[in-house]
C-alpha atoms as a PDB file:
ATOM      1  CA  UNK A   1      -0.141   8.808   4.932  1.00  0.00           C
ATOM      2  CA  UNK A   2      -1.927   8.017   8.205  1.00  0.00           C
ATOM      3  CA  UNK A   3      -4.737   6.327   6.287  1.00  0.00           C
ATOM      4  CA  UNK A   4      -2.218   4.094   4.516  1.00  0.00           C
ATOM      5  CA  UNK A   5      -0.663   3.131   7.867  1.00  0.00           C
ATOM      6  CA  UNK A   6      -4.139   2.372   9.245  1.00  0.00           C
ATOM      7  CA  UNK A   7      -4.991   0.147   6.266  1.00  0.00           C
ATOM      8  CA  UNK A   8      -1.723  -1.753   6.599  1.00  0.00           C
ATOM      9  CA  UNK A   9      -2.003  -2.085  10.371  1.00  0.00           C
ATOM     10  CA  UNK A  10      -5.444  -3.653  10.032  1.00  0.00           C
ATOM     11  CA  UNK A  11      -3.837  -6.416   7.956  1.00  0.00           C
ATOM     12  CA  UNK A  12      -0.669  -6.890  10.029  1.00  0.00           C
ATOM     13  CA  UNK A  13      -0.825  -5.178  13.432  1.00  0.00           C
ATOM     14  CA  UNK A  14       2.570  -6.599  14.433  1.00  0.00           C
ATOM     15  CA  UNK A  15       4.572  -4.748  11.728  1.00  0.00           C
ATOM     16  CA  UNK A  16       6.134  -1.292  12.149  1.00  0.00           C
ATOM     17  CA  UNK A  17       4.941   0.247   8.903  1.00  0.00           C
ATOM     18  CA  UNK A  18       6.585   3.581   9.721  1.00  0.00           C
ATOM     19  CA  UNK A  19      10.040   2.082   9.203  1.00  0.00           C
ATOM     20  CA  UNK A  20       9.657  -1.156   7.235  1.00  0.00           C
ATOM     21  CA  UNK A  21      10.675  -0.819   3.590  1.00  0.00           C
ATOM     22  CA  UNK A  22      10.738  -4.507   2.626  1.00  0.00           C
ATOM     23  CA  UNK A  23       7.062  -5.420   2.796  1.00  0.00           C
ATOM     24  CA  UNK A  24       7.149  -7.319  -0.489  1.00  0.00           C
ATOM     25  CA  UNK A  25      10.806  -8.372  -0.428  1.00  0.00           C
ATOM     26  CA  UNK A  26      10.412 -10.013   2.992  1.00  0.00           C
ATOM     27  CA  UNK A  27       7.028 -11.563   2.188  1.00  0.00           C
ATOM     28  CA  UNK A  28       5.159  -9.533   4.799  1.00  0.00           C
ATOM     29  CA  UNK A  29       2.504  -8.657   2.239  1.00  0.00           C
ATOM     30  CA  UNK A  30       1.147 -11.394  -0.011  1.00  0.00           C
ATOM     31  CA  UNK A  31      -1.061 -11.151  -3.076  1.00  0.00           C
ATOM     32  CA  UNK A  32      -4.253 -11.261  -1.010  1.00  0.00           C
ATOM     33  CA  UNK A  33      -2.978  -8.377   1.118  1.00  0.00           C
ATOM     34  CA  UNK A  34      -2.201  -6.365  -2.020  1.00  0.00           C
ATOM     35  CA  UNK A  35      -5.726  -6.920  -3.349  1.00  0.00           C
ATOM     36  CA  UNK A  36      -7.171  -5.803   0.005  1.00  0.00           C
ATOM     37  CA  UNK A  37      -4.922  -2.738   0.121  1.00  0.00           C
ATOM     38  CA  UNK A  38      -5.821  -1.722  -3.434  1.00  0.00           C
ATOM     39  CA  UNK A  39      -9.520  -2.123  -2.717  1.00  0.00           C
ATOM     40  CA  UNK A  40      -9.306   0.032   0.414  1.00  0.00           C
ATOM     41  CA  UNK A  41      -7.200   2.683  -1.342  1.00  0.00           C
ATOM     42  CA  UNK A  42      -9.723   2.828  -4.187  1.00  0.00           C
ATOM     43  CA  UNK A  43     -12.518   3.353  -1.641  1.00  0.00           C
ATOM     44  CA  UNK A  44     -10.700   5.786   0.658  1.00  0.00           C
ATOM     45  CA  UNK A  45      -9.074   7.992  -1.983  1.00  0.00           C
ATOM     46  CA  UNK A  46     -11.369   7.486  -5.000  1.00  0.00           C
ATOM     47  CA  UNK A  47      -8.479   6.497  -7.268  1.00  0.00           C
ATOM     48  CA  UNK A  48      -7.934   3.479  -9.496  1.00  0.00           C
ATOM     49  CA  UNK A  49      -4.678   1.553  -9.251  1.00  0.00           C
ATOM     50  CA  UNK A  50      -4.153  -0.087 -12.626  1.00  0.00           C
ATOM     51  CA  UNK A  51      -2.359  -3.391 -13.142  1.00  0.00           C
ATOM     52  CA  UNK A  52       0.766  -1.714 -14.511  1.00  0.00           C
ATOM     53  CA  UNK A  53       1.238   0.086 -11.184  1.00  0.00           C
ATOM     54  CA  UNK A  54       1.062  -3.068  -9.102  1.00  0.00           C
ATOM     55  CA  UNK A  55       4.807  -3.545  -8.743  1.00  0.00           C
ATOM     56  CA  UNK A  56       6.942  -4.516  -5.756  1.00  0.00           C
ATOM     57  CA  UNK A  57       8.515  -1.053  -5.770  1.00  0.00           C
ATOM     58  CA  UNK A  58       5.105   0.580  -5.271  1.00  0.00           C
ATOM     59  CA  UNK A  59       4.158  -1.689  -2.352  1.00  0.00           C
ATOM     60  CA  UNK A  60       7.435  -2.300  -0.503  1.00  0.00           C
ATOM     61  CA  UNK A  61       6.714   0.372   2.119  1.00  0.00           C
ATOM     62  CA  UNK A  62       3.945   2.587   3.398  1.00  0.00           C
ATOM     63  CA  UNK A  63       5.875   5.529   1.993  1.00  0.00           C
ATOM     64  CA  UNK A  64       5.970   3.943  -1.485  1.00  0.00           C
ATOM     65  CA  UNK A  65       2.244   3.224  -1.332  1.00  0.00           C
ATOM     66  CA  UNK A  66       1.582   6.815  -0.277  1.00  0.00           C
ATOM     67  CA  UNK A  67       3.757   8.091  -3.148  1.00  0.00           C
ATOM     68  CA  UNK A  68       1.678   6.020  -5.573  1.00  0.00           C
ATOM     69  CA  UNK A  69      -1.596   7.330  -4.114  1.00  0.00           C
ATOM     70  CA  UNK A  70      -0.313  10.916  -4.198  1.00  0.00           C
ATOM     71  CA  UNK A  71       0.676  10.503  -7.835  1.00  0.00           C
ATOM     72  CA  UNK A  72      -2.782   9.161  -8.680  1.00  0.00           C
ATOM     73  CA  UNK A  73      -4.472  11.999  -6.820  1.00  0.00           C
ATOM     74  CA  UNK A  74      -2.469  14.510  -8.855  1.00  0.00           C
ATOM     75  CA  UNK A  75      -3.557  13.025 -12.186  1.00  0.00           C
END
């Protein structure tokens, strides 16, 4: 989870990613951010996030992103 927080903080250092659960809903993350996050996750965790998993629910919080990564690591 710390790696996810680090990736997000690099993009938006002013956001409290430990508590924010409206990253997409509030427009904190845009499509360019999502592409950057996916690229970094693919590099850091050696997983592939497919298009069908790129949903607001999976990117609305650091916890949701970590849940997605954990699920991919278990596959």
